[in-house]
Amino acid sequence: MRFAVALLITAFAALSAFGQAPTLRIVTEVPNLPSELFYGNIKVKPLRLRPGTNTVITINDSDFFVNQQYVDFLSRFPDQSGFDFWVNQIASCNGDAVCIAGQRDNSSGAFFLSIEFQETGYLVERMYKVSYGSDTGTSTFGGPHQLSVPIIRRSEFLPDTLQMSNGVVVGQPGWPTVLENNKVAFANDFVSRARFSSAFATSLTPAQFVGALFGNAGVTPSASDLTAAINEFGGAANTADTAARGRTLRRVAENADLNSAEKNKAFVLMQYLGYLRRDPNVGADTDYTGYDFWLQKLNNHGGDFHAAQMVRSFIVSGEYLNRF
């Protein structure tokens, strides 16, 4: 889908502290995806027009809304069949406002739950969890307290997810092979990084290495899962084998109990990383009070984002709408 974009740049009278006018900056987070334009620290919003018309495109338009879900959650433009499916889901409402709101809610939430995201972005989040445990945040929801929060930051999540998802379009021929190759390459790269090497010395025995990973994950493995992970090292006395370290990390990160235990935390995290393009405790938030509120609400509704009204609240929030 192509949009004609005309940029309206407003002249600013204010000068910087050095007596010079701010400069224009183009910020590109993901190559080949839309960039953002800043005048100094002020974001310049584009005026998007339908090709050949003066009709303005907004986030309320179904095609642009669906396109944005692909960009925010899968870091790619939509494939035609997927795009048509989600646009048609909203179009089936025939203009009914209540129905449209529900379909937008359902469509957006489905991107987090999609196979493509679960096997890429969510797996990256779990790899950080398994490797480095959780971080500690503060919240005032229900009274001042500390809480366990995902350790991954958006500055880490975005490039690593791009690496994991490179070329993956679920439904296209050969996508499982592309995904598997990406997982192997990413896991090997991840365990070769200085941070991981510092946390897990190669002198550790396989049992120590696996025990530490499951300890960070916060789950108790079955005897068969524990044995299978240790056996990745083929009886070696240490854990110097990079490929075996990568396979073991994947095996623990893909543990079914961890997948279930971490899902709501990751779902709430993605409301911030995806919709708001920031970490939960920066920008408009100075701590994890908002994250805590939504996690408790999602947990109280058994992970049902519809009942929790979580996705809907984020996609109608002023912070989200002001992006466009």
Protein backbone atom coordinates (compact mmCIF):
# COMPACT_ATOMS: atom_id res chain seq x y z
CA MET A 1 0.00 0.00 0.00
CA ARG A 2 1.38 3.36 -0.95
CA PHE A 3 0.50 6.70 0.50
CA ALA A 4 1.30 10.06 -0.99
CA VAL A 5 2.94 12.08 1.75
CA ALA A 6 3.33 15.83 1.81
CA LEU A 7 5.31 17.26 4.68
CA LEU A 8 4.16 20.56 6.14
CA ILE A 9 7.03 22.20 7.93
CA THR A 10 6.13 25.11 10.19
CA ALA A 11 8.66 27.85 10.79
CA PHE A 12 9.63 28.23 14.42
CA ALA A 13 10.65 31.61 15.80
CA ALA A 14 12.43 30.32 18.89
CA LEU A 15 16.21 30.09 18.82
CA SER A 16 18.32 27.54 20.60
CA ALA A 17 20.52 28.35 23.55
CA PHE A 18 23.34 28.96 21.10
CA GLY A 19 21.38 31.54 19.16
CA GLN A 20 20.91 29.27 16.16
CA ALA A 21 17.69 27.94 14.74
CA PRO A 22 17.04 24.23 15.38
CA THR A 23 17.90 21.91 12.52
CA LEU A 24 15.74 19.36 10.76
CA ARG A 25 16.47 15.75 11.70
CA ILE A 26 15.20 12.61 10.02
CA VAL A 27 14.99 9.71 12.48
CA THR A 28 14.83 6.23 10.97
CA GLU A 29 14.40 3.37 13.45
CA VAL A 30 13.88 0.60 10.92
CA PRO A 31 15.34 0.70 7.40
CA ASN A 32 12.70 0.74 4.64
CA LEU A 33 9.94 1.72 7.08
CA PRO A 34 8.56 5.24 7.61
CA SER A 35 10.95 7.74 9.19
CA GLU A 36 10.07 10.61 11.49
CA LEU A 37 10.99 14.26 10.99
CA PHE A 38 12.02 16.53 13.86
CA TYR A 39 12.64 20.26 13.94
CA GLY A 40 14.99 20.45 16.89
CA ASN A 41 13.18 18.30 19.46
CA ILE A 42 9.73 19.00 18.03
CA LYS A 43 8.17 16.27 15.93
CA VAL A 44 6.85 17.45 12.56
CA LYS A 45 3.75 15.48 11.63
CA PRO A 46 3.23 14.59 7.98
CA LEU A 47 0.11 15.42 6.02
CA ARG A 48 -0.86 12.17 4.30
CA LEU A 49 -3.06 12.47 1.22
CA ARG A 50 -4.79 9.85 -0.88
CA PRO A 51 -2.95 9.70 -4.22
CA GLY A 52 -4.43 12.15 -6.71
CA THR A 53 -6.77 13.74 -4.16
CA ASN A 54 -6.83 16.21 -1.29
CA THR A 55 -8.36 13.58 1.02
CA VAL A 56 -6.39 13.37 4.26
CA ILE A 57 -5.38 9.94 5.56
CA THR A 58 -5.69 9.47 9.33
CA ILE A 59 -5.18 6.66 11.82
CA ASN A 60 -8.99 6.32 11.85
CA ASP A 61 -8.85 4.99 8.28
CA SER A 62 -8.94 1.21 8.28
CA ASP A 63 -6.20 0.71 5.69
CA PHE A 64 -3.75 3.03 7.43
CA PHE A 65 -4.63 1.57 10.84
CA VAL A 66 -3.98 -2.00 9.67
CA ASN A 67 -0.77 -0.96 7.94
CA GLN A 68 0.43 0.57 11.20
CA GLN A 69 -0.14 -2.68 13.13
CA TYR A 70 2.28 -4.45 10.81
CA VAL A 71 4.83 -1.67 11.26
CA ASP A 72 4.52 -1.48 15.06
CA PHE A 73 4.41 -5.20 15.85
CA LEU A 74 6.06 -7.02 12.94
CA SER A 75 8.39 -4.23 11.76
CA ARG A 76 7.39 -4.70 8.14
CA PHE A 77 4.83 -3.58 5.62
CA PRO A 78 1.86 -5.93 5.21
CA ASP A 79 1.63 -8.79 2.79
CA GLN A 80 -1.40 -8.33 0.55
CA SER A 81 -3.45 -11.29 1.79
CA GLY A 82 -2.99 -10.39 5.45
CA PHE A 83 -3.69 -6.73 4.80
CA ASP A 84 -6.89 -7.53 2.89
CA PHE A 85 -8.08 -9.88 5.63
CA TRP A 86 -7.79 -7.35 8.46
CA VAL A 87 -9.15 -4.43 6.45
CA ASN A 88 -12.15 -6.55 5.46
CA GLN A 89 -12.77 -7.47 9.10
CA ILE A 90 -13.24 -3.79 9.90
CA ALA A 91 -15.13 -3.08 6.66
CA SER A 92 -17.64 -5.81 7.53
CA CYS A 93 -19.04 -3.45 10.17
CA ASN A 94 -20.61 -1.33 7.40
CA GLY A 95 -19.97 1.90 9.26
CA ASP A 96 -21.32 0.80 12.66
CA ALA A 97 -19.14 2.71 15.15
CA VAL A 98 -19.42 0.18 17.98
CA CYS A 99 -18.61 -2.69 15.65
CA ILE A 100 -15.65 -0.80 14.14
CA ALA A 101 -14.19 -0.09 17.58
CA GLY A 102 -14.48 -3.78 18.45
CA GLN A 103 -12.89 -4.92 15.20
CA ARG A 104 -10.00 -2.46 15.54
CA ASP A 105 -9.46 -3.77 19.07
CA ASN A 106 -9.56 -7.38 17.89
CA SER A 107 -7.37 -6.78 14.85
CA SER A 108 -4.67 -4.97 16.79
CA GLY A 109 -4.57 -7.45 19.66
CA ALA A 110 -4.26 -10.29 17.16
CA PHE A 111 -0.85 -9.04 16.05
CA PHE A 112 0.69 -9.74 19.47
CA LEU A 113 -0.95 -13.18 19.50
CA SER A 114 0.06 -13.98 15.91
CA ILE A 115 2.45 -16.85 15.19
CA GLU A 116 4.83 -14.38 13.58
CA PHE A 117 5.18 -12.19 16.66
CA GLN A 118 5.09 -15.05 19.17
CA GLU A 119 7.97 -16.76 17.36
CA THR A 120 10.05 -13.60 16.92
CA GLY A 121 9.49 -10.61 19.20
CA TYR A 122 8.05 -12.59 22.09
CA LEU A 123 10.83 -15.18 21.83
CA VAL A 124 13.40 -12.37 22.01
CA GLU A 125 11.76 -11.09 25.20
CA ARG A 126 11.91 -14.57 26.73
CA MET A 127 15.57 -14.99 25.77
CA TYR A 128 16.39 -11.86 27.77
CA LYS A 129 14.31 -13.18 30.67
CA VAL A 130 16.10 -16.54 30.64
CA SER A 131 19.51 -14.91 30.34
CA TYR A 132 19.24 -12.01 32.76
CA GLY A 133 16.13 -12.58 34.85
CA SER A 134 13.77 -9.71 35.61
CA ASP A 135 14.33 -6.10 36.55
CA THR A 136 12.79 -4.36 39.55
CA GLY A 137 10.49 -1.39 39.06
CA THR A 138 8.49 0.87 41.36
CA SER A 139 4.76 1.52 41.29
CA THR A 140 2.25 3.57 43.25
CA PHE A 141 -0.80 1.61 42.05
CA GLY A 142 -2.51 0.40 45.22
CA GLY A 143 0.22 2.04 47.29
CA PRO A 144 4.00 2.43 46.83
CA HIS A 145 5.73 -0.90 46.19
CA GLN A 146 8.28 -2.67 44.02
CA LEU A 147 7.47 -5.20 41.34
CA SER A 148 9.21 -7.54 38.93
CA VAL A 149 9.27 -6.18 35.36
CA PRO A 150 10.74 -7.37 32.03
CA ILE A 151 14.43 -6.58 31.82
CA ILE A 152 14.55 -5.96 28.09
CA ARG A 153 14.52 -2.33 26.89
CA ARG A 154 13.11 -1.05 23.63
CA SER A 155 16.60 -0.13 22.41
CA GLU A 156 17.45 -3.85 22.70
CA PHE A 157 14.11 -5.28 21.67
CA LEU A 158 13.82 -3.50 18.33
CA PRO A 159 17.15 -4.46 16.68
CA ASP A 160 17.07 -7.99 18.08
CA THR A 161 13.52 -8.59 16.88
CA LEU A 162 14.47 -7.28 13.44
CA GLN A 163 17.29 -9.82 13.36
CA MET A 164 15.01 -12.65 14.46
CA SER A 165 12.19 -11.76 12.05
CA ASN A 166 14.28 -10.87 9.00
CA GLY A 167 12.47 -12.12 5.89
CA VAL A 168 9.77 -13.96 7.85
CA VAL A 169 6.23 -13.62 6.50
CA VAL A 170 4.04 -16.34 7.96
CA GLY A 171 1.98 -17.97 5.22
CA GLN A 172 4.45 -17.40 2.42
CA PRO A 173 6.31 -20.39 0.93
CA GLY A 174 9.34 -21.44 2.94
CA TRP A 175 8.67 -19.23 5.96
CA PRO A 176 9.30 -22.00 8.57
CA THR A 177 12.79 -22.56 7.16
CA VAL A 178 13.58 -18.85 7.17
CA LEU A 179 12.36 -18.58 10.76
CA GLU A 180 14.36 -21.59 11.94
CA ASN A 181 17.53 -20.31 10.29
CA ASN A 182 16.99 -16.93 11.93
CA LYS A 183 16.50 -18.52 15.34
CA VAL A 184 19.72 -20.50 15.06
CA ALA A 185 21.72 -17.49 13.87
CA PHE A 186 20.26 -15.17 16.48
CA ALA A 187 20.80 -17.60 19.37
CA ASN A 188 24.44 -18.11 18.36
CA ASP A 189 24.95 -14.36 18.11
CA PHE A 190 23.21 -13.72 21.43
CA VAL A 191 25.32 -16.17 23.43
CA SER A 192 28.49 -14.75 21.83
CA ARG A 193 27.86 -11.25 23.17
CA ALA A 194 30.02 -9.90 25.98
CA ARG A 195 27.06 -9.46 28.32
CA PHE A 196 26.06 -13.12 28.04
CA SER A 197 29.64 -14.36 28.28
CA SER A 198 30.11 -12.31 31.44
CA ALA A 199 26.95 -13.75 32.97
CA PHE A 200 27.71 -17.37 31.99
CA ALA A 201 31.37 -18.39 32.08
CA THR A 202 32.31 -21.20 29.72
CA SER A 203 33.81 -23.02 32.72
CA LEU A 204 30.30 -23.73 34.04
CA THR A 205 29.22 -27.33 33.80
CA PRO A 206 26.18 -28.04 31.61
CA ALA A 207 24.10 -28.68 34.75
CA GLN A 208 25.16 -25.35 36.25
CA PHE A 209 24.50 -23.50 33.00
CA VAL A 210 21.04 -25.00 32.53
CA GLY A 211 20.18 -24.53 36.20
CA ALA A 212 21.03 -20.84 35.98
CA LEU A 213 18.89 -20.36 32.87
CA PHE A 214 15.86 -22.04 34.42
CA GLY A 215 16.48 -20.09 37.62
CA ASN A 216 16.30 -16.81 35.70
CA ALA A 217 13.20 -18.06 33.90
CA GLY A 218 11.51 -18.66 37.25
CA VAL A 219 10.09 -22.04 36.26
CA THR A 220 10.81 -25.55 37.48
CA PRO A 221 11.57 -27.81 34.52
CA SER A 222 10.34 -31.36 34.24
CA ALA A 223 12.99 -34.05 34.55
CA SER A 224 12.84 -34.67 30.80
CA ASP A 225 13.17 -30.96 29.95
CA LEU A 226 16.13 -30.60 32.29
CA THR A 227 17.88 -33.65 30.87
CA ALA A 228 17.25 -32.59 27.26
CA ALA A 229 18.77 -29.16 27.91
CA ILE A 230 21.87 -30.60 29.62
CA ASN A 231 22.31 -33.16 26.85
CA GLU A 232 22.72 -30.38 24.26
CA PHE A 233 26.37 -30.33 25.37
CA GLY A 234 26.87 -33.98 24.48
CA GLY A 235 28.54 -34.99 27.73
CA ALA A 236 31.12 -32.18 27.75
CA ALA A 237 32.53 -31.11 31.10
CA ASN A 238 32.15 -27.39 30.35
CA THR A 239 29.89 -25.10 28.31
CA ALA A 240 32.39 -23.65 25.84
CA ASP A 241 30.51 -24.91 22.76
CA THR A 242 28.82 -21.80 21.30
CA ALA A 243 26.29 -23.73 19.23
CA ALA A 244 25.31 -25.84 22.24
CA ARG A 245 24.93 -22.71 24.37
CA GLY A 246 22.64 -21.25 21.71
CA ARG A 247 20.54 -24.41 21.44
CA THR A 248 20.20 -24.64 25.21
CA LEU A 249 19.18 -21.00 25.52
CA ARG A 250 16.49 -21.57 22.90
CA ARG A 251 15.30 -24.75 24.55
CA VAL A 252 14.80 -22.99 27.89
CA ALA A 253 13.30 -19.84 26.34
CA GLU A 254 10.80 -21.98 24.42
CA ASN A 255 9.74 -23.87 27.54
CA ALA A 256 5.93 -24.09 27.60
CA ASP A 257 5.62 -23.11 31.27
CA LEU A 258 7.72 -19.99 30.74
CA ASN A 259 5.69 -19.12 27.66
CA SER A 260 2.51 -19.15 29.73
CA ALA A 261 3.97 -17.41 32.77
CA GLU A 262 5.54 -14.53 30.85
CA LYS A 263 2.82 -13.88 28.25
CA ASN A 264 0.74 -11.28 30.10
CA LYS A 265 3.86 -9.37 31.15
CA ALA A 266 5.06 -9.29 27.56
CA PHE A 267 1.60 -8.33 26.28
CA VAL A 268 1.48 -5.29 28.55
CA LEU A 269 5.09 -4.44 27.70
CA MET A 270 4.24 -4.38 23.99
CA GLN A 271 1.51 -1.81 24.57
CA TYR A 272 4.35 0.57 25.39
CA LEU A 273 7.05 -0.69 23.01
CA GLY A 274 4.66 -1.00 20.07
CA TYR A 275 1.91 1.60 20.35
CA LEU A 276 3.78 4.27 22.30
CA ARG A 277 7.29 3.46 21.03
CA ARG A 278 8.87 3.84 24.44
CA ASP A 279 9.69 1.92 27.59
CA PRO A 280 6.98 1.77 30.28
CA ASN A 281 8.86 4.00 32.73
CA VAL A 282 9.95 6.85 30.45
CA GLY A 283 8.24 9.76 28.74
CA ALA A 284 4.82 10.37 30.25
CA ASP A 285 5.56 7.77 32.95
CA THR A 286 8.32 8.06 35.54
CA ASP A 287 7.84 4.57 37.02
CA TYR A 288 5.92 1.35 36.37
CA THR A 289 2.58 2.45 37.83
CA GLY A 290 0.84 2.33 34.44
CA TYR A 291 2.42 -1.00 33.55
CA ASP A 292 1.41 -2.37 36.96
CA PHE A 293 -2.19 -1.19 36.51
CA TRP A 294 -2.59 -2.89 33.14
CA LEU A 295 -0.82 -6.08 34.18
CA GLN A 296 -3.08 -6.49 37.19
CA LYS A 297 -6.13 -5.76 35.08
CA LEU A 298 -5.08 -8.24 32.38
CA ASN A 299 -4.31 -10.89 35.01
CA ASN A 300 -7.66 -10.28 36.69
CA HIS A 301 -9.38 -10.98 33.37
CA GLY A 302 -7.44 -14.16 32.70
CA GLY A 303 -5.37 -12.62 29.91
CA ASP A 304 -8.47 -11.53 27.95
CA PHE A 305 -7.42 -8.19 26.47
CA HIS A 306 -10.99 -7.51 25.33
CA ALA A 307 -12.42 -7.82 28.83
CA ALA A 308 -9.51 -5.83 30.27
CA GLN A 309 -10.09 -3.12 27.62
CA MET A 310 -6.32 -2.85 27.41
CA VAL A 311 -5.67 -2.71 23.67
CA ARG A 312 -8.64 -0.41 23.10
CA SER A 313 -7.41 2.00 25.76
CA PHE A 314 -3.98 2.28 24.18
CA ILE A 315 -5.16 2.73 20.59
CA VAL A 316 -7.50 5.57 21.57
CA SER A 317 -5.03 7.23 23.96
CA GLY A 318 -3.88 10.74 23.21
CA GLU A 319 -0.25 9.64 23.23
CA TYR A 320 -0.90 7.04 20.53
CA LEU A 321 -3.10 9.27 18.36
CA ASN A 322 -0.61 12.14 18.59
CA ARG A 323 1.97 10.01 16.79
CA PHE A 324 0.11 10.49 13.52
